[in-house]
C-alpha cells in the first residue's frame, strides 16, 4: 500500500514539474524577456501599440529575440539585416514546410 502512495506522489510530482516547464524558453533559442511558467510572455504582450513594446525588446535583446506564448515559440526579427540574413541567405535552413500528405499523395498522384 505504501508503494502505491509513493508511486502516485511520484507521478503527481513529475506531472507538476512538466507542467511548470510549459512557457520556458528552450536552450539554444535567442534571448528574450523573462518568462513565467505556463504563460511564457503572454502576460507581457500589450493590447495596444504592440510595435512600441517590440522596439523596446529589440533594443534590450538585439535584432533577433524570442517570445514564449504558452507552448509556442515566436522568433522576432526586428532589423532588415536579420531578415535578409535568415530568410535570404539561410532560407534552406529556416524555410521548411511540413509535407502535405493529402495534397501531394491523394490529389496530385504523388
N, C-alpha and C. Protein backbone atom coordinates (compact mmCIF):
# COMPACT_ATOMS: atom_id res chain seq x y z
N UNK A 1 0.82 -1.20 0.00
CA UNK A 1 0.00 0.00 0.00
C UNK A 1 0.86 1.27 0.00
N UNK A 2 1.94 1.24 0.77
CA UNK A 2 2.83 2.40 0.84
C UNK A 2 3.52 2.64 -0.50
N UNK A 3 3.83 1.55 -1.21
CA UNK A 3 4.46 1.71 -2.52
C UNK A 3 3.51 2.36 -3.51
N UNK A 4 2.23 2.06 -3.41
CA UNK A 4 1.24 2.66 -4.30
C UNK A 4 1.17 4.17 -4.08
N UNK A 5 1.12 4.58 -2.79
CA UNK A 5 1.09 6.01 -2.49
C UNK A 5 2.35 6.70 -2.98
N UNK A 6 3.47 6.02 -2.82
CA UNK A 6 4.74 6.58 -3.27
C UNK A 6 4.74 6.78 -4.79
N UNK A 7 4.24 5.80 -5.52
CA UNK A 7 4.17 5.91 -6.98
C UNK A 7 3.21 7.00 -7.41
N UNK A 8 2.10 7.12 -6.71
CA UNK A 8 1.13 8.18 -7.04
C UNK A 8 1.75 9.54 -6.81
N UNK A 9 2.42 9.75 -5.67
CA UNK A 9 3.06 11.03 -5.40
C UNK A 9 4.18 11.32 -6.39
N UNK A 10 4.91 10.31 -6.79
CA UNK A 10 5.96 10.49 -7.78
C UNK A 10 5.36 10.92 -9.12
N UNK A 11 4.28 10.28 -9.52
CA UNK A 11 3.61 10.65 -10.77
C UNK A 11 3.07 12.07 -10.71
N UNK A 12 2.48 12.45 -9.59
CA UNK A 12 1.97 13.82 -9.43
C UNK A 12 3.11 14.83 -9.48
N UNK A 13 4.22 14.53 -8.82
CA UNK A 13 5.37 15.43 -8.82
C UNK A 13 5.95 15.59 -10.22
N UNK A 14 6.05 14.50 -10.97
CA UNK A 14 6.57 14.58 -12.34
C UNK A 14 5.64 15.38 -13.24
N UNK A 15 4.34 15.17 -13.11
CA UNK A 15 3.38 15.94 -13.90
C UNK A 15 3.45 17.43 -13.56
N UNK A 16 3.59 17.73 -12.28
CA UNK A 16 3.68 19.12 -11.85
C UNK A 16 4.96 19.77 -12.39
N UNK A 17 6.07 19.05 -12.32
CA UNK A 17 7.33 19.57 -12.84
C UNK A 17 7.23 19.81 -14.34
N UNK A 18 6.65 18.88 -15.06
CA UNK A 18 6.46 19.04 -16.51
C UNK A 18 5.55 20.22 -16.81
N UNK A 19 4.52 20.38 -16.00
CA UNK A 19 3.57 21.47 -16.16
C UNK A 19 4.26 22.82 -15.98
N UNK A 20 5.20 22.90 -15.04
CA UNK A 20 5.91 24.15 -14.80
C UNK A 20 6.90 24.50 -15.91
N UNK A 21 7.30 23.51 -16.71
CA UNK A 21 8.22 23.78 -17.82
C UNK A 21 7.54 24.42 -19.02
N UNK A 22 6.20 24.34 -19.07
CA UNK A 22 5.47 25.00 -20.16
C UNK A 22 5.70 26.49 -20.06
N UNK A 23 6.06 27.11 -21.15
CA UNK A 23 6.30 28.55 -21.17
C UNK A 23 7.75 28.94 -20.98
N UNK A 24 8.64 27.98 -20.74
CA UNK A 24 10.05 28.30 -20.59
C UNK A 24 10.74 28.24 -21.94
N UNK A 25 11.72 29.10 -22.13
CA UNK A 25 12.46 29.16 -23.39
C UNK A 25 13.43 27.98 -23.49
N UNK A 26 13.37 27.23 -24.59
CA UNK A 26 14.30 26.10 -24.75
C UNK A 26 15.74 26.58 -24.90
N UNK A 27 16.67 25.72 -24.53
CA UNK A 27 18.09 26.06 -24.70
C UNK A 27 18.40 26.21 -26.19
N UNK A 28 19.29 27.13 -26.50
CA UNK A 28 19.70 27.34 -27.88
C UNK A 28 18.85 28.34 -28.64
N UNK A 29 17.76 28.80 -28.04
CA UNK A 29 16.91 29.79 -28.69
C UNK A 29 17.45 31.19 -28.40
N UNK A 30 17.11 32.17 -29.24
CA UNK A 30 17.57 33.54 -28.99
C UNK A 30 17.06 34.03 -27.63
N UNK A 31 17.79 34.99 -27.03
CA UNK A 31 17.34 35.52 -25.75
C UNK A 31 16.02 36.28 -25.90
N UNK A 32 15.42 36.58 -24.79
CA UNK A 32 14.18 37.32 -24.79
C UNK A 32 13.80 37.70 -23.38
N UNK A 33 12.65 38.35 -23.23
CA UNK A 33 12.23 38.75 -21.90
C UNK A 33 11.98 37.54 -21.00
N UNK A 34 12.13 37.71 -19.69
CA UNK A 34 11.90 36.60 -18.77
C UNK A 34 10.49 36.05 -18.90
N UNK A 35 10.36 34.75 -18.70
CA UNK A 35 9.07 34.10 -18.83
C UNK A 35 8.55 33.67 -17.46
N UNK A 36 7.26 33.37 -17.41
CA UNK A 36 6.65 32.78 -16.22
C UNK A 36 6.12 31.41 -16.62
N UNK A 37 6.04 30.47 -15.68
CA UNK A 37 5.52 29.14 -16.03
C UNK A 37 4.13 29.22 -16.65
N UNK A 38 3.87 28.37 -17.57
CA UNK A 38 2.61 28.18 -18.28
C UNK A 38 2.35 29.30 -19.27
N UNK A 39 2.39 30.56 -18.87
CA UNK A 39 2.07 31.67 -19.76
C UNK A 39 3.22 32.05 -20.67
N UNK A 40 4.45 31.91 -20.23
CA UNK A 40 5.58 32.38 -21.03
C UNK A 40 5.64 33.89 -20.98
N UNK A 41 5.46 34.54 -22.14
CA UNK A 41 5.46 36.01 -22.23
C UNK A 41 4.09 36.58 -22.57
N UNK A 42 3.06 35.77 -22.58
CA UNK A 42 1.73 36.25 -22.97
C UNK A 42 1.30 37.42 -22.10
N UNK A 43 1.61 37.37 -20.83
CA UNK A 43 1.19 38.44 -19.92
C UNK A 43 1.88 39.77 -20.22
N UNK A 44 2.96 39.75 -21.00
CA UNK A 44 3.69 40.97 -21.33
C UNK A 44 3.28 41.56 -22.68
N UNK A 45 2.42 40.86 -23.41
CA UNK A 45 2.01 41.33 -24.73
C UNK A 45 0.98 42.45 -24.58
N UNK A 46 1.30 43.63 -25.12
CA UNK A 46 0.36 44.75 -24.98
C UNK A 46 -0.82 44.60 -25.94
N UNK A 47 -1.95 45.12 -25.53
CA UNK A 47 -3.12 45.06 -26.40
C UNK A 47 -3.11 46.22 -27.40
N UNK A 48 -2.45 47.31 -27.06
CA UNK A 48 -2.34 48.45 -27.97
C UNK A 48 -0.88 48.82 -28.14
N UNK A 49 -0.56 49.36 -29.27
CA UNK A 49 0.80 49.83 -29.58
C UNK A 49 1.85 48.74 -29.34
N UNK A 50 1.57 47.57 -29.87
CA UNK A 50 2.49 46.44 -29.69
C UNK A 50 3.84 46.73 -30.32
N UNK A 51 3.86 47.48 -31.40
CA UNK A 51 5.13 47.75 -32.07
C UNK A 51 6.11 48.49 -31.16
N UNK A 52 5.60 49.31 -30.24
CA UNK A 52 6.48 50.01 -29.32
C UNK A 52 7.15 49.04 -28.35
N UNK A 53 6.39 48.05 -27.88
CA UNK A 53 6.96 47.04 -26.99
C UNK A 53 7.99 46.19 -27.73
N UNK A 54 7.70 45.84 -28.99
CA UNK A 54 8.66 45.07 -29.79
C UNK A 54 9.95 45.87 -30.00
N UNK A 55 9.84 47.18 -30.19
CA UNK A 55 11.04 48.02 -30.33
C UNK A 55 11.86 48.02 -29.04
N UNK A 56 11.19 48.12 -27.91
CA UNK A 56 11.91 48.11 -26.63
C UNK A 56 12.66 46.79 -26.44
N UNK A 57 11.98 45.68 -26.73
CA UNK A 57 12.63 44.39 -26.59
C UNK A 57 13.82 44.26 -27.55
N UNK A 58 13.69 44.81 -28.76
CA UNK A 58 14.79 44.75 -29.73
C UNK A 58 15.99 45.54 -29.23
N UNK A 59 15.75 46.65 -28.55
CA UNK A 59 16.86 47.43 -28.00
C UNK A 59 17.57 46.68 -26.88
N UNK A 60 16.81 45.92 -26.11
CA UNK A 60 17.39 45.19 -24.97
C UNK A 60 18.04 43.87 -25.41
N UNK A 61 17.34 43.09 -26.27
CA UNK A 61 17.78 41.73 -26.60
C UNK A 61 18.41 41.59 -27.97
N UNK A 62 18.43 42.65 -28.76
CA UNK A 62 19.07 42.59 -30.07
C UNK A 62 18.06 42.39 -31.20
N UNK A 63 18.54 42.33 -32.44
CA UNK A 63 17.64 42.27 -33.59
C UNK A 63 16.91 40.94 -33.74
N UNK A 64 17.38 39.88 -33.07
CA UNK A 64 16.70 38.59 -33.11
C UNK A 64 16.46 38.16 -31.67
N UNK A 65 15.19 38.04 -31.29
CA UNK A 65 14.87 37.59 -29.94
C UNK A 65 13.66 36.68 -30.01
N UNK A 66 13.39 35.99 -28.90
CA UNK A 66 12.29 35.03 -28.89
C UNK A 66 11.31 35.37 -27.78
N UNK A 67 10.07 35.02 -28.05
CA UNK A 67 8.99 35.15 -27.08
C UNK A 67 8.32 33.79 -26.94
N UNK A 68 7.94 33.46 -25.74
CA UNK A 68 7.22 32.22 -25.49
C UNK A 68 5.75 32.58 -25.27
N UNK A 69 4.90 32.02 -26.11
CA UNK A 69 3.47 32.26 -25.99
C UNK A 69 2.81 30.93 -25.64
N UNK A 70 2.80 30.63 -24.36
CA UNK A 70 2.31 29.34 -23.91
C UNK A 70 3.28 28.25 -24.33
N UNK A 71 2.82 27.33 -25.16
CA UNK A 71 3.69 26.25 -25.65
C UNK A 71 4.35 26.60 -26.97
N UNK A 72 4.04 27.72 -27.55
CA UNK A 72 4.59 28.12 -28.85
C UNK A 72 5.73 29.11 -28.67
N UNK A 73 6.73 28.99 -29.54
CA UNK A 73 7.85 29.92 -29.54
C UNK A 73 7.73 30.84 -30.74
N UNK A 74 7.89 32.13 -30.50
CA UNK A 74 7.84 33.14 -31.55
C UNK A 74 9.23 33.76 -31.66
N UNK A 75 9.84 33.66 -32.83
CA UNK A 75 11.14 34.29 -33.08
C UNK A 75 10.86 35.60 -33.80
N UNK A 76 11.35 36.69 -33.25
CA UNK A 76 11.10 38.02 -33.80
C UNK A 76 12.37 38.53 -34.48
N UNK A 77 12.23 38.94 -35.73
CA UNK A 77 13.33 39.56 -36.49
C UNK A 77 13.00 41.04 -36.59
N UNK A 78 13.81 41.89 -35.98
CA UNK A 78 13.45 43.30 -35.89
C UNK A 78 14.36 44.23 -36.68
N UNK A 79 15.18 43.67 -37.56
CA UNK A 79 16.01 44.55 -38.39
C UNK A 79 16.04 43.99 -39.81
N UNK A 80 16.28 44.87 -40.75
CA UNK A 80 16.38 44.46 -42.15
C UNK A 80 17.52 43.46 -42.35
N UNK A 81 18.63 43.68 -41.66
CA UNK A 81 19.78 42.80 -41.80
C UNK A 81 19.47 41.38 -41.30
N UNK A 82 18.75 41.30 -40.19
CA UNK A 82 18.39 39.98 -39.64
C UNK A 82 17.45 39.24 -40.58
N UNK A 83 16.50 39.95 -41.14
CA UNK A 83 15.56 39.33 -42.08
C UNK A 83 16.30 38.83 -43.31
N UNK A 84 17.17 39.68 -43.86
CA UNK A 84 17.91 39.29 -45.05
C UNK A 84 18.82 38.09 -44.77
N UNK A 85 19.49 38.12 -43.63
CA UNK A 85 20.41 37.03 -43.28
C UNK A 85 19.67 35.70 -43.14
N UNK A 86 18.57 35.69 -42.40
CA UNK A 86 17.90 34.43 -42.13
C UNK A 86 16.99 33.97 -43.25
N UNK A 87 16.28 34.88 -43.89
CA UNK A 87 15.30 34.47 -44.88
C UNK A 87 15.86 34.42 -46.31
N UNK A 88 16.91 35.16 -46.58
CA UNK A 88 17.52 35.11 -47.92
C UNK A 88 18.73 34.17 -47.95
N UNK A 89 19.69 34.45 -47.11
CA UNK A 89 20.95 33.71 -47.16
C UNK A 89 20.85 32.31 -46.56
N UNK A 90 20.02 32.13 -45.54
CA UNK A 90 19.91 30.83 -44.89
C UNK A 90 18.51 30.22 -45.04
N UNK A 91 17.86 30.52 -46.12
CA UNK A 91 16.48 30.07 -46.29
C UNK A 91 16.35 28.55 -46.33
N UNK A 92 17.39 27.86 -46.80
CA UNK A 92 17.30 26.40 -46.83
C UNK A 92 17.26 25.80 -45.42
N UNK A 93 17.73 26.52 -44.42
CA UNK A 93 17.67 26.05 -43.03
C UNK A 93 16.35 26.37 -42.35
N UNK A 94 15.73 27.51 -42.72
CA UNK A 94 14.60 28.02 -41.95
C UNK A 94 13.29 28.08 -42.71
N UNK A 95 13.25 27.70 -43.96
CA UNK A 95 12.02 27.82 -44.75
C UNK A 95 11.44 26.46 -45.10
N UNK A 96 11.37 25.59 -44.15
CA UNK A 96 10.86 24.26 -44.38
C UNK A 96 9.37 24.21 -44.06
N UNK A 97 8.63 23.44 -44.82
CA UNK A 97 7.22 23.24 -44.57
C UNK A 97 6.97 21.77 -44.33
N UNK A 98 5.92 21.50 -43.58
CA UNK A 98 5.56 20.11 -43.37
C UNK A 98 5.02 19.53 -44.66
N UNK A 99 5.25 18.24 -44.82
CA UNK A 99 4.75 17.58 -46.02
C UNK A 99 3.22 17.53 -45.98
N UNK A 100 2.60 17.86 -47.08
CA UNK A 100 1.15 17.88 -47.18
C UNK A 100 0.70 16.56 -47.79
N UNK A 101 0.38 15.59 -46.97
CA UNK A 101 0.07 14.25 -47.41
C UNK A 101 -1.13 14.24 -48.36
N UNK A 102 -2.20 14.90 -47.98
CA UNK A 102 -3.42 14.88 -48.81
C UNK A 102 -3.16 15.58 -50.14
N UNK A 103 -2.51 16.74 -50.09
CA UNK A 103 -2.26 17.49 -51.31
C UNK A 103 -1.32 16.78 -52.26
N UNK A 104 -0.26 16.17 -51.75
CA UNK A 104 0.72 15.53 -52.62
C UNK A 104 0.33 14.12 -53.02
N UNK A 105 -0.11 13.35 -52.09
CA UNK A 105 -0.34 11.93 -52.36
C UNK A 105 -1.72 11.66 -52.97
N UNK A 106 -2.74 12.19 -52.37
CA UNK A 106 -4.09 11.85 -52.82
C UNK A 106 -4.56 12.68 -54.01
N UNK A 107 -4.30 13.98 -53.96
CA UNK A 107 -4.84 14.86 -55.01
C UNK A 107 -3.99 14.90 -56.27
N UNK A 108 -2.68 14.86 -56.12
CA UNK A 108 -1.84 15.01 -57.31
C UNK A 108 -1.23 13.70 -57.76
N UNK A 109 -1.54 12.62 -57.12
CA UNK A 109 -0.97 11.34 -57.53
C UNK A 109 0.50 11.21 -57.19
N UNK A 110 0.93 11.86 -56.12
CA UNK A 110 2.30 11.82 -55.62
C UNK A 110 3.21 12.57 -56.57
